[in-house]
Amino acid sequence: MRPWACISIILLLTTAPLGNAQNKSIARVPFTMLGSYIVVKAKINESSGLHFILDTGIRNTILTEWHTNDSLSLVINEERYVQGLGGGDLIFAYVSENNSIQLGKKLTFEKKTIVLLHEDVLELSRRIGSPINGLLGADLLEDYVVQIDFVAQRLIFYLKEDFKLPRKYKSLPLTIEQQKLYVPLKVKDNAKEYQLKMLLDTGAGLCAWLRTIGSDVVPIPEKKVYGRIGEGISGEVTGYLARIPTVCLGDFCLSNPVVVFPDSACISDLVIHTGRDGTVGNQLLSRFTLFIDVGGRQLHLHPNSHFKKKFSYNVAGLELIQSIRGLPRYEVAGVWPDSPAAQAGILPGDVIRQVEGDNAYAMSLSELRGYFEQSRKRTLRVVLERDGKLLTLNLDLKSKI
């Protein structure tokens, strides 16, 4: 190992059925739902608390941003290029081996690999509106049966040999290929039923995305909107959003979900190399209490109190970020073409000051986004700041899908 490979990095980021009485957990780890993301506090190599999104769509933990005040020591063992969703180039990264990751007070994972991105291409803190250091990978789930309780907002870890599945839960086969977790998803449109192989991805804040290249694809419905779906490691992901009649995880079916059909350039490499049909994300998964049993190759699930909640989407076509770290200043980062926001005259760089008379500074970014994610009969009044002046605009938020 080269002498310079030992570095010190300074960081700061400023009810459903629970189970069977016979099951004894070894650790309970609280989390916070920020939008559709599971945010967990963790320590790396005895650092102070850092904040990560639990992301079962990746193998290893990824560190995306770091700041001052909290020291974290990592030994860099390798350099490599990584690729994810998006149509851009490969991203340069460092790899650190043999790290400890602590969740809660009792649970520590040893000899874990951490990938450190050279550039913060994801900008998680700005896009979520809260300090986020990175993504916790699925390798933390391998040695346990892990319950994700979205209602109580906690992760519960069980020893495999002691675990007994509670009654009323249904089980799906969990396939592992190239260290990724896949589950079957049934999709019904008006003409056909599709059996799909989907990545299990708690780090995706959508219901599902479906491939748009190759044979036997689910057709994109006529009623659709085009916009920015998210940010992948390899760049921006764009595509169509549309409602389809039904999706089913096992025996549990949901009606009229909003799913995403990404542009082919954003997903072509992933589809070619993995043969997958898409991804299921947290807008779908959060409607269940889950038990993920990687060793037993099973996903156990039961509907929770969110199951019948209507599926929403970005009706306004407005991309918002927290423009100043730690402060409730919310700026327009992008506007979807031909969207209600575009038609109302909102521009990138505008700062949202009020919505329907409510001050934006008194809200979280998730709360502010909620105003723009619901169809409504009356126009939505928005006060924004542009070039030092206040403007009042009215958005027509009648859903196109």
Protein backbone atom coordinates (compact mmCIF):
# COMPACT_ATOMS: atom_id res chain seq x y z
CA MET A 1 0.00 0.00 0.00
CA ARG A 2 1.38 3.44 -0.88
CA PRO A 3 2.34 5.64 2.11
CA TRP A 4 -0.16 8.32 1.18
CA ALA A 5 -3.01 5.82 1.17
CA CYS A 6 -3.59 6.29 4.90
CA ILE A 7 -5.72 9.40 5.21
CA SER A 8 -7.80 11.09 7.86
CA ILE A 9 -11.09 12.55 6.69
CA ILE A 10 -12.98 15.16 8.68
CA LEU A 11 -16.75 14.86 8.55
CA LEU A 12 -19.85 16.66 9.75
CA LEU A 13 -23.44 16.22 8.75
CA THR A 14 -24.60 18.56 11.00
CA THR A 15 -48.58 0.00 13.25
CA ALA A 16 -47.90 -3.04 11.68
CA PRO A 17 -47.40 -6.56 13.03
CA LEU A 18 -44.06 -6.61 14.82
CA GLY A 19 -43.50 -10.29 14.96
CA ASN A 20 -43.80 -13.43 16.98
CA ALA A 21 -43.32 -13.43 20.74
CA GLN A 22 -40.85 -16.30 20.26
CA ASN A 23 -38.54 -14.07 18.24
CA LYS A 24 -35.91 -12.31 20.30
CA SER A 25 -34.16 -9.45 18.57
CA ILE A 26 -30.48 -8.73 19.08
CA ALA A 27 -30.73 -5.05 18.10
CA ARG A 28 -33.36 -2.41 17.40
CA VAL A 29 -32.19 0.57 15.37
CA PRO A 30 -34.44 3.63 14.97
CA PHE A 31 -34.59 5.45 11.68
CA THR A 32 -36.22 8.57 10.29
CA MET A 33 -38.28 8.72 7.11
CA LEU A 34 -37.25 11.76 5.08
CA GLY A 35 -39.57 11.77 2.11
CA SER A 36 -39.40 8.17 0.92
CA TYR A 37 -35.92 7.52 2.32
CA ILE A 38 -34.85 5.49 5.38
CA VAL A 39 -32.23 7.60 7.19
CA VAL A 40 -30.14 5.78 9.80
CA LYS A 41 -27.51 7.12 12.18
CA ALA A 42 -24.25 5.15 12.05
CA LYS A 43 -20.64 5.31 13.19
CA ILE A 44 -17.67 4.31 11.08
CA ASN A 45 -14.44 3.33 12.81
CA GLU A 46 -15.61 4.88 16.10
CA SER A 47 -16.51 8.21 14.51
CA SER A 48 -19.30 10.32 15.91
CA GLY A 49 -22.75 9.86 14.42
CA LEU A 50 -23.11 10.12 10.65
CA HIS A 51 -26.33 9.94 8.63
CA PHE A 52 -26.93 7.41 5.87
CA ILE A 53 -29.77 6.27 3.63
CA LEU A 54 -30.37 2.51 3.87
CA ASP A 55 -29.95 1.37 0.27
CA THR A 56 -30.50 -2.31 -0.47
CA GLY A 57 -29.87 -1.58 -4.15
CA ILE A 58 -26.10 -1.38 -3.58
CA ARG A 59 -23.70 -3.94 -2.16
CA ASN A 60 -21.25 -1.81 -0.15
CA THR A 61 -21.61 1.39 1.85
CA ILE A 62 -20.86 4.54 -0.15
CA LEU A 63 -19.56 7.74 1.44
CA THR A 64 -20.70 10.69 -0.67
CA GLU A 65 -19.83 13.85 1.26
CA TRP A 66 -17.78 15.00 4.23
CA HIS A 67 -17.26 18.22 6.15
CA THR A 68 -15.42 19.52 9.20
CA ASN A 69 -15.64 18.83 12.95
CA ASP A 70 -16.04 15.06 13.12
CA SER A 71 -12.93 13.02 12.39
CA LEU A 72 -13.20 9.74 10.51
CA SER A 73 -10.11 7.71 9.66
CA LEU A 74 -10.09 5.57 6.54
CA VAL A 75 -7.30 3.61 4.90
CA ILE A 76 -7.50 3.76 1.11
CA ASN A 77 -6.68 0.39 -0.44
CA GLU A 78 -7.70 0.88 -4.06
CA GLU A 79 -8.85 3.31 -6.71
CA ARG A 80 -11.59 2.41 -9.15
CA TYR A 81 -14.30 3.78 -11.42
CA VAL A 82 -17.93 3.11 -10.53
CA GLN A 83 -21.13 3.30 -12.54
CA GLY A 84 -24.80 3.55 -11.67
CA LEU A 85 -27.99 4.91 -13.17
CA GLY A 86 -27.67 7.85 -15.52
CA GLY A 87 -26.27 8.35 -18.97
CA GLY A 88 -23.02 10.00 -17.90
CA ASP A 89 -19.45 8.83 -17.48
CA LEU A 90 -17.93 6.51 -14.91
CA ILE A 91 -17.16 8.19 -11.56
CA PHE A 92 -13.75 8.01 -9.88
CA ALA A 93 -13.81 6.55 -6.36
CA TYR A 94 -11.57 5.26 -3.58
CA VAL A 95 -12.09 1.91 -1.85
CA SER A 96 -11.40 1.34 1.84
CA GLU A 97 -11.39 -2.19 3.31
CA ASN A 98 -11.73 -3.62 6.83
CA ASN A 99 -13.88 -0.92 8.40
CA SER A 100 -16.30 -1.21 11.31
CA ILE A 101 -19.83 0.17 11.01
CA GLN A 102 -21.93 0.58 14.14
CA LEU A 103 -25.73 0.86 14.14
CA GLY A 104 -27.40 1.73 17.42
CA LYS A 105 -25.69 0.82 20.68
CA LYS A 106 -25.33 -2.93 20.26
CA LEU A 107 -24.73 -3.79 16.63
CA THR A 108 -21.31 -3.52 14.97
CA PHE A 109 -20.33 -4.91 11.57
CA GLU A 110 -16.65 -5.67 11.03
CA LYS A 111 -14.41 -5.88 7.95
CA LYS A 112 -16.76 -3.86 5.76
CA THR A 113 -15.83 -2.22 2.47
CA ILE A 114 -16.58 1.48 2.03
CA VAL A 115 -16.53 3.27 -1.32
CA LEU A 116 -15.65 6.97 -1.16
CA LEU A 117 -16.79 9.04 -4.15
CA HIS A 118 -14.22 11.56 -5.35
CA GLU A 119 -17.01 14.02 -6.18
CA ASP A 120 -20.38 14.47 -4.47
CA VAL A 121 -22.35 13.79 -7.63
CA LEU A 122 -25.50 12.74 -5.74
CA GLU A 123 -25.82 15.90 -3.58
CA LEU A 124 -27.99 13.97 -1.14
CA SER A 125 -28.03 16.63 1.59
CA ARG A 126 -29.18 19.36 -0.80
CA ARG A 127 -31.82 17.17 -2.44
CA ILE A 128 -33.22 15.72 0.80
CA GLY A 129 -32.85 18.89 2.88
CA SER A 130 -31.03 17.22 5.76
CA PRO A 131 -27.41 16.19 6.37
CA ILE A 132 -26.67 12.90 4.62
CA ASN A 133 -23.19 11.37 4.46
CA GLY A 134 -23.93 8.52 2.11
CA LEU A 135 -25.63 5.17 1.53
CA LEU A 136 -25.57 2.03 3.70
CA GLY A 137 -25.29 -1.07 1.54
CA ALA A 138 -27.08 -4.41 1.60
CA ASP A 139 -24.01 -6.27 2.91
CA LEU A 140 -25.10 -5.17 6.41
CA LEU A 141 -28.16 -7.42 6.09
CA GLU A 142 -26.38 -10.65 5.14
CA ASP A 143 -25.89 -12.25 8.56
CA TYR A 144 -29.34 -11.57 10.03
CA VAL A 145 -33.04 -11.58 9.34
CA VAL A 146 -33.83 -7.87 9.26
CA GLN A 147 -37.26 -6.38 9.83
CA ILE A 148 -38.06 -2.98 8.34
CA ASP A 149 -41.00 -1.47 10.19
CA PHE A 150 -41.97 1.66 8.26
CA VAL A 151 -44.74 2.61 10.69
CA ALA A 152 -42.70 2.41 13.90
CA GLN A 153 -39.62 3.57 11.94
CA ARG A 154 -37.14 1.01 13.19
CA LEU A 155 -34.91 -1.78 11.93
CA ILE A 156 -34.96 -4.96 14.00
CA PHE A 157 -32.18 -7.55 13.65
CA TYR A 158 -32.78 -11.24 14.44
CA LEU A 159 -30.41 -14.20 14.49
CA LYS A 160 -31.29 -16.52 11.60
CA GLU A 161 -31.35 -19.67 13.73
CA ASP A 162 -33.80 -18.14 16.22
CA PHE A 163 -36.20 -16.52 13.76
CA LYS A 164 -39.73 -17.79 13.19
CA LEU A 165 -41.96 -16.05 10.69
CA PRO A 166 -45.05 -14.42 12.25
CA ARG A 167 -48.45 -15.56 11.06
CA LYS A 168 -50.20 -13.77 8.17
CA TYR A 169 -46.93 -12.90 6.45
CA LYS A 170 -46.43 -13.97 2.84
CA SER A 171 -43.06 -14.92 1.38
CA LEU A 172 -41.40 -14.13 -1.94
CA PRO A 173 -38.24 -15.70 -3.33
CA LEU A 174 -35.23 -13.42 -2.99
CA THR A 175 -32.74 -13.98 -5.80
CA ILE A 176 -29.12 -12.91 -5.41
CA GLU A 177 -27.11 -12.23 -8.56
CA GLN A 178 -23.80 -10.39 -8.67
CA GLN A 179 -24.35 -9.52 -4.99
CA LYS A 180 -27.66 -7.74 -5.74
CA LEU A 181 -31.10 -8.61 -4.35
CA TYR A 182 -34.00 -9.29 -6.75
CA VAL A 183 -37.69 -10.00 -6.17
CA PRO A 184 -40.52 -10.92 -8.56
CA LEU A 185 -43.12 -8.28 -9.39
CA LYS A 186 -46.34 -8.84 -11.32
CA VAL A 187 -47.57 -5.97 -13.48
CA LYS A 188 -50.95 -5.88 -15.17
CA ASP A 189 -51.97 -3.46 -17.88
CA ASN A 190 -55.21 -3.51 -19.83
CA ALA A 191 -54.03 -6.19 -22.25
CA LYS A 192 -51.43 -8.38 -20.57
CA GLU A 193 -49.83 -9.61 -17.37
CA TYR A 194 -46.04 -9.39 -16.94
CA GLN A 195 -43.78 -11.32 -14.55
CA LEU A 196 -40.77 -9.11 -13.87
CA LYS A 197 -37.38 -9.47 -12.20
CA MET A 198 -36.88 -6.36 -10.06
CA LEU A 199 -34.04 -5.01 -7.96
CA LEU A 200 -35.07 -4.61 -4.30
CA ASP A 201 -33.99 -1.03 -3.64
CA THR A 202 -34.83 0.83 -0.43
CA GLY A 203 -32.61 3.65 -1.69
CA ALA A 204 -35.01 4.46 -4.54
CA GLY A 205 -37.61 7.06 -3.61
CA LEU A 206 -40.10 5.94 -6.27
CA CYS A 207 -42.66 3.15 -6.56
CA ALA A 208 -40.93 1.34 -9.41
CA TRP A 209 -39.16 1.91 -12.67
CA LEU A 210 -39.57 -0.43 -15.62
CA ARG A 211 -37.14 -1.03 -18.46
CA THR A 212 -37.89 0.57 -21.80
CA ILE A 213 -35.45 -1.42 -23.98
CA GLY A 214 -35.36 -5.04 -25.08
CA SER A 215 -38.21 -7.40 -25.82
CA ASP A 216 -41.54 -7.85 -24.03
CA VAL A 217 -41.43 -4.49 -22.24
CA VAL A 218 -44.43 -3.03 -20.44
CA PRO A 219 -45.81 -0.40 -22.84
CA ILE A 220 -45.80 3.22 -21.73
CA PRO A 221 -49.42 4.39 -21.23
CA GLU A 222 -50.80 7.16 -23.41
CA LYS A 223 -51.35 9.43 -20.41
CA LYS A 224 -47.86 10.32 -19.22
CA VAL A 225 -45.64 13.19 -18.15
CA TYR A 226 -41.96 13.68 -18.90
CA GLY A 227 -39.48 14.85 -16.30
CA ARG A 228 -36.45 14.28 -14.15
CA ILE A 229 -36.75 11.04 -12.19
CA GLY A 230 -33.68 11.36 -10.03
CA GLU A 231 -29.92 11.45 -9.85
CA GLY A 232 -27.79 8.36 -10.34
CA ILE A 233 -24.07 7.95 -9.76
CA SER A 234 -23.56 8.26 -13.52
CA GLY A 235 -25.77 11.31 -13.99
CA GLU A 236 -29.31 12.56 -14.26
CA VAL A 237 -32.12 10.08 -14.91
CA THR A 238 -35.03 11.29 -17.02
CA GLY A 239 -38.09 9.60 -18.45
CA TYR A 240 -41.87 9.27 -18.37
CA LEU A 241 -44.13 8.89 -15.35
CA ALA A 242 -47.47 7.14 -15.82
CA ARG A 243 -50.10 5.19 -13.92
CA ILE A 244 -50.57 1.51 -14.66
CA PRO A 245 -53.62 -0.52 -13.59
CA THR A 246 -52.03 -2.92 -11.09
CA VAL A 247 -48.76 -4.04 -9.52
CA CYS A 248 -48.49 -7.07 -7.21
CA LEU A 249 -45.86 -8.17 -4.74
CA GLY A 250 -46.90 -11.76 -4.25
CA ASP A 251 -50.59 -11.86 -3.35
CA PHE A 252 -50.70 -8.16 -2.45
CA CYS A 253 -51.89 -5.97 -5.33
CA LEU A 254 -52.12 -2.19 -5.53
CA SER A 255 -54.13 -0.15 -8.01
CA ASN A 256 -53.09 2.83 -10.13
CA PRO A 257 -49.51 3.21 -8.93
CA VAL A 258 -47.28 5.84 -10.53
CA VAL A 259 -44.34 4.07 -12.18
CA VAL A 260 -41.39 5.40 -14.12
CA PHE A 261 -40.23 4.54 -17.64
CA PRO A 262 -36.64 5.84 -17.85
CA ASP A 263 -35.02 7.01 -21.06
CA SER A 264 -33.13 4.09 -22.56
CA ALA A 265 -29.78 5.92 -22.43
CA CYS A 266 -30.04 6.13 -18.63
CA ILE A 267 -30.48 2.39 -18.06
CA SER A 268 -29.09 0.55 -21.09
CA ASP A 269 -25.82 -0.62 -19.50
CA LEU A 270 -27.55 -1.87 -16.33
CA VAL A 271 -30.25 -3.75 -18.23
CA ILE A 272 -27.74 -5.37 -20.59
CA HIS A 273 -25.40 -6.53 -17.82
CA THR A 274 -28.00 -7.67 -15.25
CA GLY A 275 -31.02 -8.77 -17.28
CA ARG A 276 -33.31 -7.07 -14.82
CA ASP A 277 -36.67 -5.56 -15.69
CA GLY A 278 -36.46 -2.62 -13.31
CA THR A 279 -36.47 -1.60 -9.66
CA VAL A 280 -38.99 -1.57 -6.82
CA GLY A 281 -38.51 1.38 -4.48
CA ASN A 282 -39.76 2.72 -1.19
CA GLN A 283 -43.03 4.26 -2.38
CA LEU A 284 -44.10 0.64 -2.87
CA LEU A 285 -42.06 -1.11 -0.16
CA SER A 286 -43.09 1.33 2.59
CA ARG A 287 -46.66 0.00 2.35
CA PHE A 288 -45.49 -3.23 3.99
CA THR A 289 -43.67 -4.44 7.04
CA LEU A 290 -40.75 -6.41 5.64
CA PHE A 291 -38.49 -9.20 6.84
CA ILE A 292 -35.42 -9.50 4.60
CA ASP A 293 -33.74 -12.90 4.96
CA VAL A 294 -30.72 -12.82 2.67
CA GLY A 295 -29.32 -16.15 3.88
CA GLY A 296 -32.67 -17.90 3.46
CA ARG A 297 -33.30 -16.19 0.10
CA GLN A 298 -36.71 -14.92 1.22
CA LEU A 299 -38.57 -11.62 1.46
CA HIS A 300 -41.48 -11.82 3.93
CA LEU A 301 -44.10 -9.08 3.86
CA HIS A 302 -47.43 -7.97 5.29
CA PRO A 303 -49.41 -4.79 4.47
CA ASN A 304 -49.17 -1.98 7.02
CA SER A 305 -51.34 1.08 7.67
CA HIS A 306 -49.86 2.85 4.60
CA PHE A 307 -51.04 0.15 2.21
CA LYS A 308 -54.10 1.95 0.82
CA LYS A 309 -52.49 5.39 0.65
CA LYS A 310 -52.83 6.97 -2.80
CA PHE A 311 -49.72 7.14 -4.96
CA SER A 312 -48.51 10.69 -5.57
CA TYR A 313 -45.93 12.26 -7.85
CA ASN A 314 -44.40 15.63 -8.68
CA VAL A 315 -47.52 17.13 -10.27
CA ALA A 316 -45.97 20.62 -10.47
CA GLY A 317 -42.82 19.41 -12.23
CA LEU A 318 -40.70 21.40 -9.79
CA GLU A 319 -37.24 20.27 -8.63
CA LEU A 320 -36.36 21.77 -5.24
CA ILE A 321 -33.12 21.74 -3.24
CA GLN A 322 -31.88 23.20 0.04
CA SER A 323 -29.56 25.87 -1.34
CA ILE A 324 -27.76 26.75 1.94
CA ARG A 325 -26.58 23.94 4.16
CA GLY A 326 -28.54 23.75 7.41
CA LEU A 327 -30.89 26.62 6.56
CA PRO A 328 -34.52 26.39 5.30
CA ARG A 329 -33.82 28.18 2.03
CA TYR A 330 -35.39 26.22 -0.83
CA GLU A 331 -34.39 26.94 -4.38
CA VAL A 332 -35.73 25.74 -7.71
CA ALA A 333 -33.07 23.50 -9.25
CA GLY A 334 -35.06 22.54 -12.32
CA VAL A 335 -38.44 22.77 -14.02
CA TRP A 336 -39.90 19.95 -16.09
CA PRO A 337 -40.83 20.89 -19.69
CA ASP A 338 -44.50 21.69 -20.29
CA SER A 339 -45.25 21.23 -16.57
CA PRO A 340 -47.56 23.38 -14.40
CA ALA A 341 -44.46 25.05 -12.94
CA ALA A 342 -43.12 25.85 -16.42
CA GLN A 343 -46.50 27.16 -17.58
CA ALA A 344 -46.72 29.41 -14.50
CA GLY A 345 -43.33 30.94 -15.31
CA ILE A 346 -41.21 29.49 -12.49
CA LEU A 347 -37.50 29.44 -13.36
CA PRO A 348 -34.40 27.64 -12.04
CA GLY A 349 -32.80 29.81 -9.37
CA ASP A 350 -36.12 31.08 -7.97
CA VAL A 351 -36.40 30.79 -4.18
CA ILE A 352 -39.73 29.61 -2.72
CA ARG A 353 -40.90 31.97 0.05
CA GLN A 354 -44.54 31.04 0.63
CA VAL A 355 -47.09 28.48 -0.51
CA GLU A 356 -50.77 29.18 0.14
CA GLY A 357 -49.74 31.76 2.75
CA ASP A 358 -47.50 29.31 4.65
CA ASN A 359 -43.87 30.34 5.06
CA ALA A 360 -41.40 27.99 3.43
CA TYR A 361 -38.79 28.64 6.12
CA ALA A 362 -41.08 26.98 8.68
CA MET A 363 -41.17 23.72 6.69
CA SER A 364 -38.88 20.84 5.95
CA LEU A 365 -38.06 20.23 2.31
CA SER A 366 -40.28 17.13 2.35
CA GLU A 367 -43.20 19.16 3.71
CA LEU A 368 -42.72 21.83 1.05
CA ARG A 369 -42.62 19.25 -1.72
CA GLY A 370 -45.90 17.85 -0.44
CA TYR A 371 -47.73 20.98 -1.67
CA PHE A 372 -46.58 20.27 -5.23
CA GLU A 373 -47.31 16.52 -5.26
CA GLN A 374 -51.11 16.58 -5.03
CA SER A 375 -53.62 17.26 -7.76
CA ARG A 376 -56.10 20.01 -6.80
CA LYS A 377 -59.07 21.80 -8.32
CA ARG A 378 -58.05 25.29 -7.19
CA THR A 379 -54.81 26.92 -8.27
CA LEU A 380 -51.88 26.90 -5.85
CA ARG A 381 -50.56 30.35 -4.87
CA VAL A 382 -46.78 30.53 -4.62
CA VAL A 383 -44.66 33.51 -3.56
CA LEU A 384 -41.08 33.32 -4.79
CA GLU A 385 -38.00 35.51 -4.85
CA ARG A 386 -36.23 36.30 -8.10
CA ASP A 387 -33.38 38.80 -8.45
CA GLY A 388 -34.23 40.32 -5.06
CA LYS A 389 -37.92 40.83 -5.89
CA LEU A 390 -40.99 38.93 -4.69
CA LEU A 391 -43.34 37.46 -7.29
CA THR A 392 -46.71 35.79 -6.79
CA LEU A 393 -47.65 33.04 -9.23
CA ASN A 394 -50.57 30.62 -9.47
CA LEU A 395 -50.04 26.99 -10.44
CA ASP A 396 -52.73 24.86 -12.04
CA LEU A 397 -52.11 21.47 -10.41
CA LYS A 398 -54.58 19.29 -12.27
CA SER A 399 -52.88 15.95 -12.76
CA LYS A 400 -52.22 14.87 -16.35
CA ILE A 401 -52.11 11.21 -15.36
